[in-house]
N, C-alpha and C. Protein backbone atom coordinates (compact mmCIF):
# COMPACT_ATOMS: atom_id res chain seq x y z
N UNK A 1 0.81 -1.15 -0.33
CA UNK A 1 -0.01 -0.07 0.00
C UNK A 1 0.79 1.12 -0.14
N UNK A 2 0.74 2.19 -0.92
CA UNK A 2 1.18 3.44 -1.04
C UNK A 2 0.66 4.48 -0.49
N UNK A 3 1.36 5.41 0.24
CA UNK A 3 0.62 6.67 0.57
C UNK A 3 1.32 8.04 0.29
N UNK A 4 0.76 8.78 -0.40
CA UNK A 4 1.21 9.95 -0.95
C UNK A 4 1.97 11.04 0.12
N UNK A 5 2.76 11.52 -0.29
CA UNK A 5 3.41 12.64 0.96
C UNK A 5 2.87 13.89 0.95
N UNK A 6 1.91 14.27 0.09
CA UNK A 6 1.28 15.35 -0.09
C UNK A 6 1.49 16.48 -1.32
N UNK A 7 0.90 17.39 -1.00
CA UNK A 7 1.13 18.35 -1.97
C UNK A 7 2.45 18.76 -2.59
N UNK A 8 2.79 19.12 -3.86
CA UNK A 8 3.93 19.12 -4.47
C UNK A 8 5.04 18.02 -4.50
N UNK A 9 4.30 16.67 -4.18
CA UNK A 9 5.30 15.80 -4.42
C UNK A 9 4.56 14.37 -5.14
N UNK A 10 3.59 15.05 -6.22
CA UNK A 10 2.67 14.23 -6.93
C UNK A 10 3.82 12.54 -7.57
N UNK A 11 4.96 12.87 -7.70
CA UNK A 11 5.51 11.54 -8.16
C UNK A 11 6.25 10.58 -7.19
N UNK A 12 6.28 10.82 -5.86
CA UNK A 12 6.70 10.16 -4.65
C UNK A 12 5.82 9.60 -3.81
N UNK A 13 5.94 8.35 -3.82
CA UNK A 13 4.94 7.70 -2.80
C UNK A 13 6.04 7.14 -1.60
N UNK A 14 5.53 6.88 -0.23
CA UNK A 14 6.21 6.49 0.64
C UNK A 14 5.40 5.25 1.16
N UNK A 15 6.22 4.18 1.70
CA UNK A 15 5.42 2.82 2.19
C UNK A 15 4.65 2.98 3.40
N UNK A 16 3.52 2.33 3.71
CA UNK A 16 2.95 2.47 5.12
C UNK A 16 3.85 2.38 6.44
N UNK A 17 4.77 1.74 6.19
CA UNK A 17 5.82 1.53 7.08
C UNK A 17 6.50 2.70 7.24
N UNK A 18 6.94 3.13 6.41
CA UNK A 18 7.84 4.41 6.36
C UNK A 18 6.95 5.59 7.42
N UNK A 19 5.63 5.57 6.93
CA UNK A 19 4.94 6.59 7.66
C UNK A 19 4.69 6.17 9.03
N UNK A 20 4.40 4.96 9.17
CA UNK A 20 4.53 4.45 10.76
C UNK A 20 5.65 4.58 11.41
N UNK A 21 7.01 4.61 10.45
CA UNK A 21 8.20 4.97 11.74
C UNK A 21 8.05 6.36 11.82
N UNK A 22 7.57 7.30 10.80
CA UNK A 22 7.61 8.59 11.45
C UNK A 22 6.49 8.80 12.38
N UNK A 23 5.66 8.25 12.58
CA UNK A 23 4.66 8.27 13.77
C UNK A 23 5.36 7.64 15.09
N UNK A 24 6.18 6.70 15.01
CA UNK A 24 6.97 6.20 15.96
C UNK A 24 8.17 7.53 16.83
N UNK A 25 8.59 8.05 15.66
CA UNK A 25 9.65 9.33 15.85
C UNK A 25 8.68 10.26 16.63
N UNK A 26 7.63 10.89 16.08
CA UNK A 26 6.88 11.72 16.54
C UNK A 26 6.22 11.61 18.01
N UNK A 27 5.91 10.01 18.05
CA UNK A 27 5.31 9.67 19.52
C UNK A 27 6.21 10.27 20.49
N UNK A 28 7.36 9.94 20.47
CA UNK A 28 8.82 10.21 21.25
C UNK A 28 8.68 11.96 21.56
N UNK A 29 8.29 12.73 20.99
CA UNK A 29 8.14 13.84 21.18
C UNK A 29 7.01 14.44 22.06
N UNK A 30 5.87 13.46 22.02
CA UNK A 30 4.77 14.06 22.82
C UNK A 30 4.57 12.94 23.93
N UNK A 31 5.31 12.19 24.37
CA UNK A 31 5.06 11.36 25.55
C UNK A 31 6.37 11.74 26.49
N UNK A 32 6.08 11.88 28.26
CA UNK A 32 6.94 12.07 28.81
C UNK A 32 7.24 10.87 29.97
N UNK A 33 8.25 10.28 29.88
CA UNK A 33 8.54 9.10 30.75
C UNK A 33 9.13 9.85 32.06
N UNK A 34 9.05 8.90 33.01
CA UNK A 34 9.40 9.30 34.43
C UNK A 34 10.75 9.60 34.46
N UNK A 35 11.20 10.36 35.70
CA UNK A 35 12.56 10.88 35.44
C UNK A 35 13.62 9.24 35.71
N UNK A 36 13.05 8.85 36.51
CA UNK A 36 14.03 7.55 36.86
C UNK A 36 13.96 6.48 35.88
N UNK A 37 13.08 6.54 34.58
CA UNK A 37 12.98 5.74 33.54
C UNK A 37 14.52 5.34 32.99
N UNK A 38 15.22 6.67 33.02
CA UNK A 38 16.41 6.47 32.33
C UNK A 38 17.47 6.23 33.47
N UNK A 39 18.67 5.64 32.97
CA UNK A 39 19.70 5.17 34.08
C UNK A 39 20.72 6.40 34.05
N UNK A 40 20.91 7.21 33.00
CA UNK A 40 21.48 8.49 33.23
C UNK A 40 21.21 9.47 32.20
N UNK A 41 21.54 10.86 32.58
CA UNK A 41 21.20 11.99 31.44
C UNK A 41 21.44 11.75 29.74
N UNK A 42 22.66 10.96 29.88
CA UNK A 42 22.82 10.93 28.33
C UNK A 42 22.43 9.49 28.11
N UNK A 43 21.78 8.77 28.72
CA UNK A 43 21.43 7.86 27.81
C UNK A 43 20.42 7.92 26.81
N UNK A 44 20.74 7.17 25.79
CA UNK A 44 19.77 7.22 24.75
C UNK A 44 18.09 6.89 24.80
N UNK A 45 17.35 7.50 24.20
CA UNK A 45 15.98 7.09 23.88
C UNK A 45 15.92 5.67 22.96
N UNK A 46 15.53 4.61 23.19
CA UNK A 46 15.97 3.44 22.50
C UNK A 46 14.29 3.16 21.88
N UNK A 47 14.35 2.97 20.72
CA UNK A 47 12.81 2.54 20.04
C UNK A 47 13.50 0.97 19.79
N UNK A 48 12.61 0.19 20.27
CA UNK A 48 12.76 -1.59 20.11
C UNK A 48 11.74 -2.37 19.25
N UNK A 49 12.02 -2.94 18.40
CA UNK A 49 11.28 -3.50 17.47
C UNK A 49 11.16 -5.13 17.94
N UNK A 50 10.21 -5.87 18.10
CA UNK A 50 10.28 -7.29 18.58
C UNK A 50 9.47 -7.85 17.84
N UNK A 51 10.21 -8.95 17.11
CA UNK A 51 9.74 -9.84 16.04
C UNK A 51 10.13 -9.21 14.54
N UNK A 52 9.55 -9.85 13.85
CA UNK A 52 10.00 -9.71 12.02
C UNK A 52 10.02 -8.10 12.04
N UNK A 53 11.16 -7.36 11.72
CA UNK A 53 11.13 -6.09 11.38
C UNK A 53 10.31 -5.55 10.19
N UNK A 54 9.04 -4.85 10.11
CA UNK A 54 8.26 -4.44 8.86
C UNK A 54 8.99 -3.31 8.55
N UNK A 55 9.58 -2.51 9.14
CA UNK A 55 10.31 -1.18 8.67
C UNK A 55 11.25 -1.18 7.45
N UNK A 56 12.22 -2.32 7.88
CA UNK A 56 13.43 -2.25 7.17
C UNK A 56 14.38 -1.17 7.24
N UNK A 57 14.64 -0.66 6.47
CA UNK A 57 15.74 0.81 6.29
C UNK A 57 14.90 1.90 6.45
N UNK A 58 13.48 1.86 6.32
CA UNK A 58 12.56 2.92 6.29
C UNK A 58 12.60 3.73 7.73
N UNK A 59 13.12 3.11 8.76
CA UNK A 59 13.09 3.52 10.13
C UNK A 59 14.67 4.12 10.46
N UNK A 60 15.43 3.89 9.60
CA UNK A 60 16.93 4.37 9.97
C UNK A 60 16.95 6.02 10.20
N UNK A 61 16.18 6.41 9.62
CA UNK A 61 16.41 8.25 9.63
C UNK A 61 16.29 8.39 11.42
N UNK A 62 15.71 7.46 12.01
CA UNK A 62 15.49 8.00 13.11
C UNK A 62 16.90 8.01 14.21
N UNK A 63 17.82 7.20 13.69
CA UNK A 63 18.99 7.25 14.08
C UNK A 63 19.74 8.67 14.08
N UNK A 64 19.33 9.54 13.31
CA UNK A 64 20.12 10.98 13.11
C UNK A 64 19.36 11.71 14.10
N UNK A 65 18.41 11.67 14.56
CA UNK A 65 17.58 12.36 15.52
C UNK A 65 17.61 12.47 17.05
N UNK A 66 17.29 13.77 17.52
CA UNK A 66 17.53 13.51 19.32
C UNK A 66 16.05 13.92 19.48
N UNK A 67 15.54 13.89 20.96
CA UNK A 67 14.09 14.30 21.38
C UNK A 67 14.60 14.37 22.85
N UNK A 68 14.57 15.63 23.45
CA UNK A 68 14.90 16.31 24.76
C UNK A 68 15.99 15.76 25.06
N UNK A 69 17.12 16.25 24.16
CA UNK A 69 18.41 16.04 24.14
C UNK A 69 18.85 14.53 24.46
N UNK A 70 18.20 13.75 23.84
CA UNK A 70 18.53 12.21 24.12
C UNK A 70 18.46 11.71 22.71
N UNK A 71 19.54 11.30 22.16
CA UNK A 71 19.74 10.77 20.85
C UNK A 71 18.90 9.34 20.72
N UNK A 72 18.32 9.06 19.66
CA UNK A 72 17.27 7.75 19.48
C UNK A 72 18.18 6.84 18.82
N UNK A 73 17.88 5.77 19.47
CA UNK A 73 18.68 4.65 18.96
C UNK A 73 17.47 3.46 18.54
N UNK A 74 17.79 2.71 17.51
CA UNK A 74 16.84 1.16 17.25
C UNK A 74 17.42 0.23 17.56
N UNK A 75 16.64 -0.64 18.00
CA UNK A 75 17.22 -1.68 18.67
C UNK A 75 16.29 -3.07 17.79
N UNK A 76 16.71 -4.22 17.34
CA UNK A 76 15.46 -5.27 16.98
C UNK A 76 15.73 -6.36 18.03
N UNK A 77 14.66 -6.82 18.74
CA UNK A 77 14.80 -7.92 19.75
C UNK A 77 13.84 -9.18 19.34
N UNK A 78 14.46 -10.19 19.92
CA UNK A 78 13.88 -11.25 19.70
C UNK A 78 13.03 -11.99 20.88
N UNK A 79 13.34 -11.25 22.18
CA UNK A 79 12.47 -11.69 23.14
C UNK A 79 12.35 -10.79 24.28
N UNK A 80 11.02 -10.86 24.76
CA UNK A 80 10.64 -9.58 25.50
C UNK A 80 11.81 -9.20 26.91
N UNK A 81 12.33 -10.45 27.39
CA UNK A 81 13.47 -10.27 28.48
C UNK A 81 14.71 -9.15 28.01
N UNK A 82 14.48 -9.01 26.64
CA UNK A 82 15.62 -7.80 26.19
C UNK A 82 15.16 -6.30 26.20
N UNK A 83 13.88 -6.23 26.78
CA UNK A 83 13.59 -4.59 26.59
C UNK A 83 13.84 -4.15 27.59
N UNK A 84 14.70 -4.37 28.67
CA UNK A 84 15.12 -3.47 30.00
C UNK A 84 15.38 -2.09 29.58
N UNK A 85 16.41 -1.92 28.62
CA UNK A 85 16.52 -0.39 28.12
C UNK A 85 15.54 0.34 27.16
N UNK A 86 14.28 -0.41 26.61
CA UNK A 86 13.45 0.33 25.56
C UNK A 86 12.61 1.03 26.27
N UNK A 87 12.66 2.41 25.53
CA UNK A 87 11.31 3.10 25.89
C UNK A 87 10.36 3.19 25.18
N UNK A 88 10.30 2.91 23.70
CA UNK A 88 9.35 2.39 22.89
C UNK A 88 9.60 1.12 22.31
N UNK A 89 8.40 0.40 22.55
CA UNK A 89 8.68 -1.10 21.90
C UNK A 89 7.43 -1.14 20.93
N UNK A 90 7.98 -1.47 19.84
CA UNK A 90 6.74 -1.80 18.70
C UNK A 90 6.90 -3.15 18.28
N UNK A 91 5.65 -3.57 18.61
CA UNK A 91 5.63 -5.19 18.58
C UNK A 91 4.73 -5.82 17.23
N UNK A 92 5.62 -5.96 16.56
CA UNK A 92 5.38 -6.53 14.82
C UNK A 92 4.35 -7.44 14.65
N UNK A 93 3.52 -7.21 13.67
CA UNK A 93 2.19 -8.12 13.58
C UNK A 93 2.88 -9.61 13.56
N UNK A 94 4.00 -10.07 13.30
CA UNK A 94 4.58 -11.44 13.51
C UNK A 94 4.47 -11.96 15.17
N UNK A 95 4.04 -10.93 15.91
CA UNK A 95 4.08 -11.50 17.38
C UNK A 95 2.84 -11.51 17.68
N UNK A 96 1.90 -11.59 16.81
CA UNK A 96 0.33 -11.52 17.16
C UNK A 96 -0.30 -12.50 18.21
N UNK A 97 0.50 -13.84 17.91
CA UNK A 97 0.24 -14.74 18.88
C UNK A 97 1.06 -14.61 20.23
N UNK A 98 2.06 -13.98 20.37
CA UNK A 98 2.55 -13.79 21.77
C UNK A 98 2.45 -12.29 22.15
N UNK A 99 1.43 -11.53 21.48
CA UNK A 99 1.27 -10.24 22.13
C UNK A 99 0.94 -10.28 23.67
N UNK A 100 0.06 -10.92 23.97
CA UNK A 100 -0.34 -10.80 25.74
C UNK A 100 0.88 -10.99 26.06
N UNK A 101 1.73 -12.30 25.91
CA UNK A 101 2.90 -12.72 26.90
C UNK A 101 3.89 -11.46 26.76
N UNK A 102 4.08 -10.61 25.50
CA UNK A 102 4.91 -9.72 25.55
C UNK A 102 4.50 -8.56 26.46
N UNK A 103 3.26 -8.33 26.35
CA UNK A 103 2.58 -6.86 27.29
C UNK A 103 2.81 -7.30 28.69
N UNK A 104 2.52 -8.62 28.97
CA UNK A 104 2.80 -8.95 30.71
C UNK A 104 4.17 -8.69 30.97
N UNK A 105 5.07 -9.32 29.83
CA UNK A 105 6.53 -9.13 30.08
C UNK A 105 6.91 -7.64 30.59
N UNK A 106 6.43 -6.71 30.00
CA UNK A 106 6.94 -5.42 30.05
C UNK A 106 5.93 -4.39 30.94
N UNK A 107 4.87 -5.32 31.55
CA UNK A 107 3.96 -4.49 32.25
C UNK A 107 4.16 -3.57 33.68
N UNK A 108 5.54 -3.94 33.91
CA UNK A 108 6.21 -3.20 35.28
C UNK A 108 7.22 -2.39 34.73
N UNK A 109 7.22 -1.89 33.26
CA UNK A 109 8.39 -1.11 32.97
C UNK A 109 7.62 0.12 32.54
N UNK A 110 8.75 1.18 32.35
CA UNK A 110 8.31 2.43 31.56
C UNK A 110 8.41 2.50 30.25
N UNK A 111 7.81 1.92 29.56
CA UNK A 111 7.87 1.52 28.03
C UNK A 111 6.38 1.83 27.53
N UNK A 112 6.63 2.60 26.33
CA UNK A 112 5.53 3.05 25.36
C UNK A 112 5.45 1.82 24.52
N UNK A 113 4.26 1.03 24.54
CA UNK A 113 4.04 -0.02 23.65
C UNK A 113 3.31 0.61 22.61
N UNK A 114 3.78 0.02 21.29
CA UNK A 114 3.05 0.45 20.05
C UNK A 114 2.74 -0.79 19.23
N UNK A 115 1.90 -0.96 18.43
CA UNK A 115 1.62 -1.98 17.44
C UNK A 115 0.55 -1.73 16.53
N UNK A 116 0.39 -2.50 15.51
CA UNK A 116 -0.52 -2.53 14.42
C UNK A 116 -1.30 -3.79 14.49
N UNK A 117 -1.29 -4.53 15.25
CA UNK A 117 -2.16 -5.54 15.51
C UNK A 117 -3.20 -5.00 15.67
N UNK A 118 -4.42 -5.86 15.22
CA UNK A 118 -5.93 -5.22 15.40
C UNK A 118 -6.24 -5.62 16.68
N UNK A 119 -6.93 -4.52 17.72
CA UNK A 119 -7.00 -4.94 18.95
C UNK A 119 -6.00 -4.43 19.91
N UNK A 120 -5.01 -4.12 19.26
CA UNK A 120 -3.74 -3.94 20.34
C UNK A 120 -3.90 -3.01 21.57
N UNK A 121 -4.70 -1.96 21.68
CA UNK A 121 -4.90 -0.80 22.44
C UNK A 121 -6.04 -1.63 23.19
N UNK A 122 -7.00 -2.23 23.04
CA UNK A 122 -8.05 -2.75 23.52
C UNK A 122 -7.58 -3.81 24.61
N UNK A 123 -6.69 -4.62 23.98
CA UNK A 123 -5.73 -5.75 25.01
C UNK A 123 -4.86 -5.12 25.79
N UNK A 124 -4.39 -3.92 26.21
CA UNK A 124 -4.03 -3.37 27.05
C UNK A 124 -2.42 -2.81 26.41
N UNK A 125 -2.40 -2.54 25.12
CA UNK A 125 -1.05 -1.67 24.28
C UNK A 125 -1.56 -0.74 24.82
N UNK A 126 -0.61 0.38 24.48
CA UNK A 126 -0.69 2.08 24.85
C UNK A 126 -1.06 2.52 23.51
N UNK A 127 -0.51 2.42 22.41
CA UNK A 127 -1.00 2.83 20.92
C UNK A 127 -0.87 1.97 19.82
N UNK A 128 -2.08 1.73 19.27
CA UNK A 128 -2.46 1.05 18.11
C UNK A 128 -2.46 1.80 16.94
N UNK A 129 -1.56 1.56 16.15
CA UNK A 129 -1.87 1.89 14.52
C UNK A 129 -2.66 1.53 13.83
N UNK A 130 -3.44 2.03 12.83
CA UNK A 130 -4.17 1.15 12.00
C UNK A 130 -4.40 2.30 10.60
N UNK A 131 -4.77 1.83 9.69
CA UNK A 131 -5.25 2.56 8.34
C UNK A 131 -6.71 2.67 7.97
N UNK A 132 -6.95 3.58 7.56
CA UNK A 132 -8.20 4.00 7.34
C UNK A 132 -8.44 4.95 6.40
N UNK A 133 -9.15 4.88 5.39
CA UNK A 133 -8.90 5.77 4.23
C UNK A 133 -7.75 6.15 3.61
N UNK A 134 -6.92 5.14 3.48
CA UNK A 134 -5.48 5.28 3.18
C UNK A 134 -4.59 6.34 3.74
N UNK A 135 -4.70 6.54 5.09
CA UNK A 135 -4.26 7.20 5.94
C UNK A 135 -4.02 6.60 7.33
N UNK A 136 -2.82 6.60 7.94
CA UNK A 136 -2.39 5.98 9.02
C UNK A 136 -3.00 6.93 10.22
N UNK A 137 -3.62 6.03 11.07
CA UNK A 137 -4.22 6.66 12.19
C UNK A 137 -3.96 5.85 13.31
N UNK A 138 -4.02 6.26 14.59
CA UNK A 138 -3.81 5.68 16.03
C UNK A 138 -4.94 5.82 17.08
N UNK A 139 -5.16 4.92 17.87
CA UNK A 139 -5.70 4.97 18.95
C UNK A 139 -4.92 4.88 20.24
N UNK A 140 -5.49 5.33 21.55
CA UNK A 140 -4.61 5.60 22.13
C UNK A 140 -5.44 5.02 23.69
N UNK A 141 -4.58 3.96 24.63
CA UNK A 141 -5.10 3.63 25.56
C UNK A 141 -4.64 4.14 26.62
N UNK A 142 -5.23 5.59 27.23
CA UNK A 142 -4.51 6.07 28.16
C UNK A 142 -4.26 5.58 29.49
N UNK A 143 -5.19 4.73 29.95
CA UNK A 143 -5.29 3.94 31.06
C UNK A 143 -4.14 2.96 31.33
N UNK A 144 -3.68 2.21 30.00
CA UNK A 144 -2.45 1.63 29.67
C UNK A 144 -1.47 2.18 29.99
N UNK A 145 -1.29 3.60 29.61
CA UNK A 145 -0.10 4.83 29.68
C UNK A 145 0.02 4.93 31.15
N UNK A 146 -0.86 5.23 31.76
CA UNK A 146 -0.81 5.52 33.01
C UNK A 146 -0.02 4.47 33.90
N UNK A 147 -0.38 3.45 33.67
CA UNK A 147 -0.11 2.00 34.42
C UNK A 147 1.32 1.87 34.13
N UNK A 148 2.31 2.49 32.96
CA UNK A 148 3.53 2.46 32.56
C UNK A 148 4.13 3.74 32.91
N UNK A 149 3.35 4.58 33.64
CA UNK A 149 4.00 6.01 34.15
C UNK A 149 4.12 6.71 33.39
N UNK A 150 3.55 6.70 31.99
CA UNK A 150 3.88 7.70 31.05
C UNK A 150 2.69 9.02 30.77
N UNK A 151 3.20 9.87 30.44
CA UNK A 151 2.20 11.18 30.34
C UNK A 151 2.28 11.35 28.53
N UNK A 152 1.17 11.16 28.40
CA UNK A 152 0.78 11.82 27.00
C UNK A 152 0.34 12.94 26.94
N UNK A 153 1.04 13.75 26.00
CA UNK A 153 0.86 15.18 25.67
C UNK A 153 -0.65 15.40 24.89
N UNK A 154 -1.07 16.39 25.41
CA UNK A 154 -2.59 16.96 24.96
C UNK A 154 -2.44 16.99 23.53
N UNK A 155 -1.86 17.28 22.77
CA UNK A 155 -1.67 17.53 21.73
C UNK A 155 -1.77 16.22 20.94
N UNK A 156 -0.99 15.15 21.35
CA UNK A 156 -1.22 13.57 21.06
C UNK A 156 -2.90 13.03 21.20
N UNK A 157 -3.11 13.39 22.32
CA UNK A 157 -4.36 12.84 22.80
C UNK A 157 -5.46 13.44 22.12
N UNK A 158 -5.41 14.55 21.53
CA UNK A 158 -6.32 14.93 20.67
C UNK A 158 -6.52 14.71 19.36
N UNK A 159 -5.33 14.25 18.82
CA UNK A 159 -5.31 13.50 17.41
C UNK A 159 -5.85 12.22 17.39
N UNK A 160 -5.75 11.55 18.48
CA UNK A 160 -6.30 10.13 18.59
C UNK A 160 -7.51 9.65 19.04
N UNK A 161 -7.73 8.43 18.40
CA UNK A 161 -9.22 7.91 18.88
C UNK A 161 -8.78 7.21 20.14
N UNK A 162 -9.86 7.44 21.02
CA UNK A 162 -9.32 6.94 22.26
C UNK A 162 -10.09 5.54 22.57
N UNK A 163 -9.64 4.64 23.27
CA UNK A 163 -9.62 3.39 23.41
C UNK A 163 -10.45 3.28 24.60
N UNK A 164 -11.64 2.57 24.96
CA UNK A 164 -12.29 2.99 26.20
C UNK A 164 -12.18 1.56 27.05
């Protein structure tokens, strides 16, 4: 599925997962982690992908970015036990059968969980990405964010569909 980049770029399309990678980056700008979530002031803000990586090189641009004076880092994981240094965890669609196990494994951690697995926010994930009318959209489970001690900015909440 292709997504046009907007006016002035009629001949260039970007993939669904390039758009979703941009969403992941932007989420980091509107979420506040507790002070003690980071081991040190210089620790990077790490975005982890668990399962098959649907982004490929489309997420590599994040490595050149910083948010709140923290450089961003990308890690690809195989097991939930490897999430200790993650601040954002994208659960790949390949992990649909293990989704609840992964969510349970990180429930005590200050991690923003994100996925495009259908029903993710309903089942306890924080941000669920989905496509509607050829646009990537998202829903937020604010109760799940509070359990992970995360504060989601009002600008982000206003743009999201709310999970009940």
